[in-house]
């Protein structure tokens, strides 16, 4: 990984659906994650890092993200923050069926920092596809979040979903950091390191390995 990454910040689906609609974020507290997303956007702008606003679009009358509805709108706290590009998507990944890959490539971006919602869905899909496209990924763990789930396969709390995905991301797919640590890395012009699968598994099996590459 380059020591001086060429980053873009992807602000994914910060729309009212997650605040007042049918998919309310429960963990981390959504007011906290919203504030940290704003901090990341302003830090990126100050550092000359392009900011991409990603919006999810569903057809009129859809139960979630119906285009033009109140819950489809960007959250008002961040709606007026300056961005360099806007991506409209209809699937989980911000790359799927959009111009994002070409836009990033044209600007020499090699690292995408992901903030926004939801950790386990659109954030995850975007991170996985970024890696498959040869990009490095970073995930702002306190500038994102999840709701709780219950279905025929089982149930999981919002904290559990968010924590497990952060752990899995950091083992292989993305460098996971707080917003504060990400901004420090941006200011220093340095990359954030992710961990690896082998050591992540070994630490769980044998606590004596915990001192290795934390």
C-alpha atoms as a PDB file:
ATOM      1  CA  UNK A   1       0.000   0.000   0.000  1.00  0.00           C
ATOM      2  CA  UNK A   2       1.265   3.472  -0.830  1.00  0.00           C
ATOM      3  CA  UNK A   3       2.387   5.557   2.133  1.00  0.00           C
ATOM      4  CA  UNK A   4       0.652   8.558   0.565  1.00  0.00           C
ATOM      5  CA  UNK A   5      -2.763   7.321  -0.520  1.00  0.00           C
ATOM      6  CA  UNK A   6      -4.856   9.239  -3.030  1.00  0.00           C
ATOM      7  CA  UNK A   7      -8.145   9.168  -1.168  1.00  0.00           C
ATOM      8  CA  UNK A   8     -11.760   9.906  -1.894  1.00  0.00           C
ATOM      9  CA  UNK A   9     -14.388  10.011   0.851  1.00  0.00           C
ATOM     10  CA  UNK A  10     -17.613   8.173  -0.030  1.00  0.00           C
ATOM     11  CA  UNK A  11     -20.564   9.428   2.025  1.00  0.00           C
ATOM     12  CA  UNK A  12     -23.096   6.680   1.519  1.00  0.00           C
ATOM     13  CA  UNK A  13     -26.859   7.074   1.847  1.00  0.00           C
ATOM     14  CA  UNK A  14     -27.032   9.716   4.561  1.00  0.00           C
ATOM     15  CA  UNK A  15     -30.747  10.020   3.868  1.00  0.00           C
ATOM     16  CA  UNK A  16     -33.749  10.525   6.115  1.00  0.00           C
ATOM     17  CA  UNK A  17     -34.793   6.878   5.737  1.00  0.00           C
ATOM     18  CA  UNK A  18     -32.207   6.054   8.421  1.00  0.00           C
ATOM     19  CA  UNK A  19     -33.383   8.780  10.795  1.00  0.00           C
ATOM     20  CA  UNK A  20     -37.152   9.125  10.476  1.00  0.00           C
ATOM     21  CA  UNK A  21     -38.080   6.323   8.074  1.00  0.00           C
ATOM     22  CA  UNK A  22     -38.269   2.557   8.161  1.00  0.00           C
ATOM     23  CA  UNK A  23     -34.589   1.757   8.731  1.00  0.00           C
ATOM     24  CA  UNK A  24     -33.640   3.780  11.778  1.00  0.00           C
ATOM     25  CA  UNK A  25     -30.012   3.335  12.752  1.00  0.00           C
ATOM     26  CA  UNK A  26     -29.632   2.103  16.335  1.00  0.00           C
ATOM     27  CA  UNK A  27     -25.882   1.638  16.825  1.00  0.00           C
ATOM     28  CA  UNK A  28     -23.729   3.636  17.091  1.00  0.00           C
ATOM     29  CA  UNK A  29     -26.204   6.360  18.136  1.00  0.00           C
ATOM     30  CA  UNK A  30     -27.256   7.961  14.900  1.00  0.00           C
ATOM     31  CA  UNK A  31     -26.815  11.521  16.166  1.00  0.00           C
ATOM     32  CA  UNK A  32     -23.176  10.704  16.953  1.00  0.00           C
ATOM     33  CA  UNK A  33     -22.452   9.065  13.621  1.00  0.00           C
ATOM     34  CA  UNK A  34     -24.094  11.940  11.756  1.00  0.00           C
ATOM     35  CA  UNK A  35     -21.871  14.438  13.544  1.00  0.00           C
ATOM     36  CA  UNK A  36     -18.759  12.418  12.741  1.00  0.00           C
ATOM     37  CA  UNK A  37     -19.720  12.108   9.082  1.00  0.00           C
ATOM     38  CA  UNK A  38     -19.854  15.899   8.980  1.00  0.00           C
ATOM     39  CA  UNK A  39     -16.436  16.091  10.626  1.00  0.00           C
ATOM     40  CA  UNK A  40     -14.998  13.689   8.051  1.00  0.00           C
ATOM     41  CA  UNK A  41     -16.507  15.657   5.159  1.00  0.00           C
ATOM     42  CA  UNK A  42     -15.062  18.930   6.390  1.00  0.00           C
ATOM     43  CA  UNK A  43     -11.653  17.374   7.082  1.00  0.00           C
ATOM     44  CA  UNK A  44     -11.594  15.875   3.606  1.00  0.00           C
ATOM     45  CA  UNK A  45     -12.454  19.191   1.990  1.00  0.00           C
ATOM     46  CA  UNK A  46      -9.755  20.926   4.007  1.00  0.00           C
ATOM     47  CA  UNK A  47      -7.190  18.334   2.899  1.00  0.00           C
ATOM     48  CA  UNK A  48      -8.188  18.499  -0.774  1.00  0.00           C
ATOM     49  CA  UNK A  49      -9.713  14.996  -0.697  1.00  0.00           C
ATOM     50  CA  UNK A  50     -12.682  14.675  -3.064  1.00  0.00           C
ATOM     51  CA  UNK A  51     -16.002  13.952  -1.397  1.00  0.00           C
ATOM     52  CA  UNK A  52     -18.644  11.847  -3.138  1.00  0.00           C
ATOM     53  CA  UNK A  53     -22.248  11.902  -1.960  1.00  0.00           C
ATOM     54  CA  UNK A  54     -23.997   8.599  -2.687  1.00  0.00           C
ATOM     55  CA  UNK A  55     -27.797   8.451  -2.697  1.00  0.00           C
ATOM     56  CA  UNK A  56     -29.999   5.389  -2.938  1.00  0.00           C
ATOM     57  CA  UNK A  57     -32.944   5.676  -5.327  1.00  0.00           C
ATOM     58  CA  UNK A  58     -36.040   3.484  -5.368  1.00  0.00           C
ATOM     59  CA  UNK A  59     -39.109   3.910  -7.592  1.00  0.00           C
ATOM     60  CA  UNK A  60     -41.988   6.127  -6.553  1.00  0.00           C
ATOM     61  CA  UNK A  61     -44.200   4.280  -4.080  1.00  0.00           C
ATOM     62  CA  UNK A  62     -41.466   1.889  -2.926  1.00  0.00           C
ATOM     63  CA  UNK A  63     -41.468   1.126   0.824  1.00  0.00           C
ATOM     64  CA  UNK A  64     -37.922   2.501   1.254  1.00  0.00           C
ATOM     65  CA  UNK A  65     -36.034   5.353  -0.454  1.00  0.00           C
ATOM     66  CA  UNK A  66     -38.891   6.234  -2.794  1.00  0.00           C
ATOM     67  CA  UNK A  67     -37.312   8.870  -5.023  1.00  0.00           C
ATOM     68  CA  UNK A  68     -38.588  12.358  -4.243  1.00  0.00           C
ATOM     69  CA  UNK A  69     -40.137  11.363  -0.898  1.00  0.00           C
ATOM     70  CA  UNK A  70     -39.241  12.967   2.423  1.00  0.00           C
ATOM     71  CA  UNK A  71     -37.321   9.909   3.593  1.00  0.00           C
ATOM     72  CA  UNK A  72     -35.335   9.772   0.326  1.00  0.00           C
ATOM     73  CA  UNK A  73     -33.970  13.285   0.892  1.00  0.00           C
ATOM     74  CA  UNK A  74     -30.430  13.776   2.229  1.00  0.00           C
ATOM     75  CA  UNK A  75     -30.392  14.492   5.951  1.00  0.00           C
ATOM     76  CA  UNK A  76     -30.680  18.279   6.337  1.00  0.00           C
ATOM     77  CA  UNK A  77     -27.653  18.490   8.662  1.00  0.00           C
ATOM     78  CA  UNK A  78     -25.354  17.507   5.789  1.00  0.00           C
ATOM     79  CA  UNK A  79     -27.413  18.357   2.722  1.00  0.00           C
ATOM     80  CA  UNK A  80     -25.590  21.657   2.193  1.00  0.00           C
ATOM     81  CA  UNK A  81     -22.067  20.305   2.720  1.00  0.00           C
ATOM     82  CA  UNK A  82     -20.021  20.788  -0.446  1.00  0.00           C
ATOM     83  CA  UNK A  83     -19.275  17.650  -2.454  1.00  0.00           C
ATOM     84  CA  UNK A  84     -17.313  17.003  -5.635  1.00  0.00           C
ATOM     85  CA  UNK A  85     -19.615  14.416  -7.173  1.00  0.00           C
ATOM     86  CA  UNK A  86     -23.034  12.865  -6.587  1.00  0.00           C
ATOM     87  CA  UNK A  87     -23.757   9.220  -7.347  1.00  0.00           C
ATOM     88  CA  UNK A  88     -27.282   7.809  -7.596  1.00  0.00           C
ATOM     89  CA  UNK A  89     -27.466   4.058  -7.112  1.00  0.00           C
ATOM     90  CA  UNK A  90     -30.223   1.465  -7.150  1.00  0.00           C
ATOM     91  CA  UNK A  91     -28.256  -1.452  -5.683  1.00  0.00           C
ATOM     92  CA  UNK A  92     -26.204  -1.901  -2.546  1.00  0.00           C
ATOM     93  CA  UNK A  93     -22.751  -1.167  -3.944  1.00  0.00           C
ATOM     94  CA  UNK A  94     -21.998   2.434  -4.880  1.00  0.00           C
ATOM     95  CA  UNK A  95     -20.144   1.028  -7.897  1.00  0.00           C
ATOM     96  CA  UNK A  96     -23.013  -1.058  -9.299  1.00  0.00           C
ATOM     97  CA  UNK A  97     -24.553   0.593 -12.351  1.00  0.00           C
ATOM     98  CA  UNK A  98     -22.973   3.999 -11.615  1.00  0.00           C
ATOM     99  CA  UNK A  99     -20.105   6.101 -12.931  1.00  0.00           C
ATOM    100  CA  UNK A 100     -18.183   5.932  -9.652  1.00  0.00           C
ATOM    101  CA  UNK A 101     -15.361   3.631 -10.802  1.00  0.00           C
ATOM    102  CA  UNK A 102     -14.612   5.754 -13.858  1.00  0.00           C
ATOM    103  CA  UNK A 103     -14.817   8.988 -11.878  1.00  0.00           C
ATOM    104  CA  UNK A 104     -12.330   7.719  -9.309  1.00  0.00           C
ATOM    105  CA  UNK A 105      -9.992   6.302 -11.945  1.00  0.00           C
ATOM    106  CA  UNK A 106      -9.938   9.591 -13.862  1.00  0.00           C
ATOM    107  CA  UNK A 107      -8.649  11.299 -10.722  1.00  0.00           C
ATOM    108  CA  UNK A 108      -6.041   8.719  -9.820  1.00  0.00           C
ATOM    109  CA  UNK A 109      -7.834   7.656  -6.637  1.00  0.00           C
ATOM    110  CA  UNK A 110      -6.403   4.485  -5.107  1.00  0.00           C
ATOM    111  CA  UNK A 111      -8.137   4.507  -1.695  1.00  0.00           C
ATOM    112  CA  UNK A 112     -11.800   4.962  -0.822  1.00  0.00           C
ATOM    113  CA  UNK A 113     -12.801   5.941   2.704  1.00  0.00           C
ATOM    114  CA  UNK A 114     -16.351   4.827   3.456  1.00  0.00           C
ATOM    115  CA  UNK A 115     -18.757   6.551   5.840  1.00  0.00           C
ATOM    116  CA  UNK A 116     -22.536   6.456   6.041  1.00  0.00           C
ATOM    117  CA  UNK A 117     -25.134   3.714   6.160  1.00  0.00           C
ATOM    118  CA  UNK A 118     -25.640   0.854   6.602  1.00  0.00           C
ATOM    119  CA  UNK A 119     -22.456  -0.780   7.875  1.00  0.00           C
ATOM    120  CA  UNK A 120     -23.441  -4.306   6.856  1.00  0.00           C
ATOM    121  CA  UNK A 121     -25.269  -3.539   3.616  1.00  0.00           C
ATOM    122  CA  UNK A 122     -24.318  -0.707   1.282  1.00  0.00           C
ATOM    123  CA  UNK A 123     -21.063   0.055   3.104  1.00  0.00           C
ATOM    124  CA  UNK A 124     -20.068  -3.613   2.988  1.00  0.00           C
ATOM    125  CA  UNK A 125     -21.042  -4.077  -0.659  1.00  0.00           C
ATOM    126  CA  UNK A 126     -19.075  -0.964  -1.629  1.00  0.00           C
ATOM    127  CA  UNK A 127     -15.996  -2.052   0.334  1.00  0.00           C
ATOM    128  CA  UNK A 128     -16.038  -5.558  -1.148  1.00  0.00           C
ATOM    129  CA  UNK A 129     -16.371  -4.238  -4.687  1.00  0.00           C
ATOM    130  CA  UNK A 130     -13.671  -1.609  -4.133  1.00  0.00           C
ATOM    131  CA  UNK A 131     -11.246  -4.359  -3.198  1.00  0.00           C
ATOM    132  CA  UNK A 132     -12.207  -6.428  -6.236  1.00  0.00           C
ATOM    133  CA  UNK A 133     -11.465  -3.387  -8.406  1.00  0.00           C
ATOM    134  CA  UNK A 134      -7.956  -3.047  -6.987  1.00  0.00           C
ATOM    135  CA  UNK A 135      -8.705  -0.146  -4.658  1.00  0.00           C
ATOM    136  CA  UNK A 136      -7.735   0.093  -1.016  1.00  0.00           C
ATOM    137  CA  UNK A 137     -10.584   0.752   1.409  1.00  0.00           C
ATOM    138  CA  UNK A 138     -10.938   2.462   4.770  1.00  0.00           C
ATOM    139  CA  UNK A 139     -14.001   2.341   7.002  1.00  0.00           C
ATOM    140  CA  UNK A 140     -14.923   5.026   9.530  1.00  0.00           C
ATOM    141  CA  UNK A 141     -16.405   2.874  12.266  1.00  0.00           C
ATOM    142  CA  UNK A 142     -18.041   5.665  14.272  1.00  0.00           C
ATOM    143  CA  UNK A 143     -19.357   7.452  11.168  1.00  0.00           C
ATOM    144  CA  UNK A 144     -21.616   4.584  10.156  1.00  0.00           C
ATOM    145  CA  UNK A 145     -24.142   2.279  11.784  1.00  0.00           C
ATOM    146  CA  UNK A 146     -26.756  -0.462  11.699  1.00  0.00           C
ATOM    147  CA  UNK A 147     -30.270  -1.289  12.926  1.00  0.00           C
ATOM    148  CA  UNK A 148     -31.135  -4.555  14.658  1.00  0.00           C
ATOM    149  CA  UNK A 149     -32.460  -7.462  12.571  1.00  0.00           C
ATOM    150  CA  UNK A 150     -34.818 -10.374  13.172  1.00  0.00           C
ATOM    151  CA  UNK A 151     -35.887 -12.872  10.531  1.00  0.00           C
ATOM    152  CA  UNK A 152     -36.323 -16.618   9.958  1.00  0.00           C
ATOM    153  CA  UNK A 153     -32.559 -17.158  10.176  1.00  0.00           C
ATOM    154  CA  UNK A 154     -32.265 -15.559  13.605  1.00  0.00           C
ATOM    155  CA  UNK A 155     -31.784 -12.187  15.213  1.00  0.00           C
ATOM    156  CA  UNK A 156     -28.921  -9.816  15.985  1.00  0.00           C
ATOM    157  CA  UNK A 157     -28.669  -6.525  17.806  1.00  0.00           C
ATOM    158  CA  UNK A 158     -27.509  -3.397  16.020  1.00  0.00           C
ATOM    159  CA  UNK A 159     -24.335  -3.381  18.117  1.00  0.00           C
ATOM    160  CA  UNK A 160     -23.606  -7.005  17.225  1.00  0.00           C
ATOM    161  CA  UNK A 161     -24.105  -6.469  13.492  1.00  0.00           C
ATOM    162  CA  UNK A 162     -21.930  -3.357  13.457  1.00  0.00           C
ATOM    163  CA  UNK A 163     -19.177  -4.874  15.619  1.00  0.00           C
ATOM    164  CA  UNK A 164     -18.986  -8.123  13.665  1.00  0.00           C
ATOM    165  CA  UNK A 165     -18.804  -6.364  10.311  1.00  0.00           C
ATOM    166  CA  UNK A 166     -16.121  -3.982  11.568  1.00  0.00           C
ATOM    167  CA  UNK A 167     -14.104  -6.968  12.788  1.00  0.00           C
ATOM    168  CA  UNK A 168     -14.488  -8.795   9.481  1.00  0.00           C
ATOM    169  CA  UNK A 169     -13.659  -5.684   7.457  1.00  0.00           C
ATOM    170  CA  UNK A 170     -10.452  -5.091   9.386  1.00  0.00           C
ATOM    171  CA  UNK A 171      -9.338  -8.707   9.020  1.00  0.00           C
ATOM    172  CA  UNK A 172      -9.057  -8.449   5.253  1.00  0.00           C
ATOM    173  CA  UNK A 173     -11.201  -5.922   3.424  1.00  0.00           C
ATOM    174  CA  UNK A 174     -10.678  -2.430   4.861  1.00  0.00           C
ATOM    175  CA  UNK A 175      -8.642  -0.551   7.421  1.00  0.00           C
ATOM    176  CA  UNK A 176     -11.133   0.243  10.183  1.00  0.00           C
ATOM    177  CA  UNK A 177     -10.571   3.427  12.175  1.00  0.00           C
ATOM    178  CA  UNK A 178     -12.446   6.029  14.145  1.00  0.00           C
ATOM    179  CA  UNK A 179     -13.099   9.352  12.474  1.00  0.00           C
ATOM    180  CA  UNK A 180     -10.520  10.977  14.739  1.00  0.00           C
ATOM    181  CA  UNK A 181      -7.840   8.466  13.746  1.00  0.00           C
ATOM    182  CA  UNK A 182      -8.777   8.737  10.073  1.00  0.00           C
ATOM    183  CA  UNK A 183      -8.443  12.532  10.180  1.00  0.00           C
ATOM    184  CA  UNK A 184      -5.050  12.161  11.882  1.00  0.00           C
ATOM    185  CA  UNK A 185      -3.921   9.846   9.075  1.00  0.00           C
ATOM    186  CA  UNK A 186      -5.214  12.303   6.477  1.00  0.00           C
ATOM    187  CA  UNK A 187      -3.361  15.176   8.139  1.00  0.00           C
ATOM    188  CA  UNK A 188      -0.164  13.097   8.231  1.00  0.00           C
ATOM    189  CA  UNK A 189      -0.567  11.933   4.638  1.00  0.00           C
ATOM    190  CA  UNK A 190      -0.246   8.303   5.655  1.00  0.00           C
ATOM    191  CA  UNK A 191      -2.141   5.135   4.932  1.00  0.00           C
ATOM    192  CA  UNK A 192      -4.114   3.168   7.479  1.00  0.00           C
ATOM    193  CA  UNK A 193      -3.261  -0.531   7.706  1.00  0.00           C
ATOM    194  CA  UNK A 194      -5.809  -3.296   7.868  1.00  0.00           C
ATOM    195  CA  UNK A 195      -4.984  -6.524   9.679  1.00  0.00           C
ATOM    196  CA  UNK A 196      -4.982 -10.019   8.168  1.00  0.00           C
ATOM    197  CA  UNK A 197      -7.131 -13.123   8.356  1.00  0.00           C
ATOM    198  CA  UNK A 198      -4.490 -15.412   9.851  1.00  0.00           C
ATOM    199  CA  UNK A 199      -3.581 -13.219  12.816  1.00  0.00           C
ATOM    200  CA  UNK A 200      -7.221 -12.294  13.406  1.00  0.00           C
ATOM    201  CA  UNK A 201      -8.070 -15.980  13.731  1.00  0.00           C
ATOM    202  CA  UNK A 202      -4.981 -16.825  15.764  1.00  0.00           C
ATOM    203  CA  UNK A 203      -5.699 -14.121  18.342  1.00  0.00           C
ATOM    204  CA  UNK A 204      -9.178 -15.527  18.896  1.00  0.00           C
ATOM    205  CA  UNK A 205      -7.832 -19.073  19.250  1.00  0.00           C
ATOM    206  CA  UNK A 206      -4.838 -18.137  21.420  1.00  0.00           C
ATOM    207  CA  UNK A 207      -4.884 -14.921  23.480  1.00  0.00           C
ATOM    208  CA  UNK A 208      -1.087 -15.133  23.748  1.00  0.00           C
ATOM    209  CA  UNK A 209      -0.886 -13.882  20.175  1.00  0.00           C
ATOM    210  CA  UNK A 210      -2.799 -10.697  21.072  1.00  0.00           C
ATOM    211  CA  UNK A 211       0.388  -8.645  21.124  1.00  0.00           C
ATOM    212  CA  UNK A 212       1.076  -9.422  17.481  1.00  0.00           C
ATOM    213  CA  UNK A 213       0.139  -6.696  15.044  1.00  0.00           C
ATOM    214  CA  UNK A 214      -2.763  -5.158  16.902  1.00  0.00           C
END
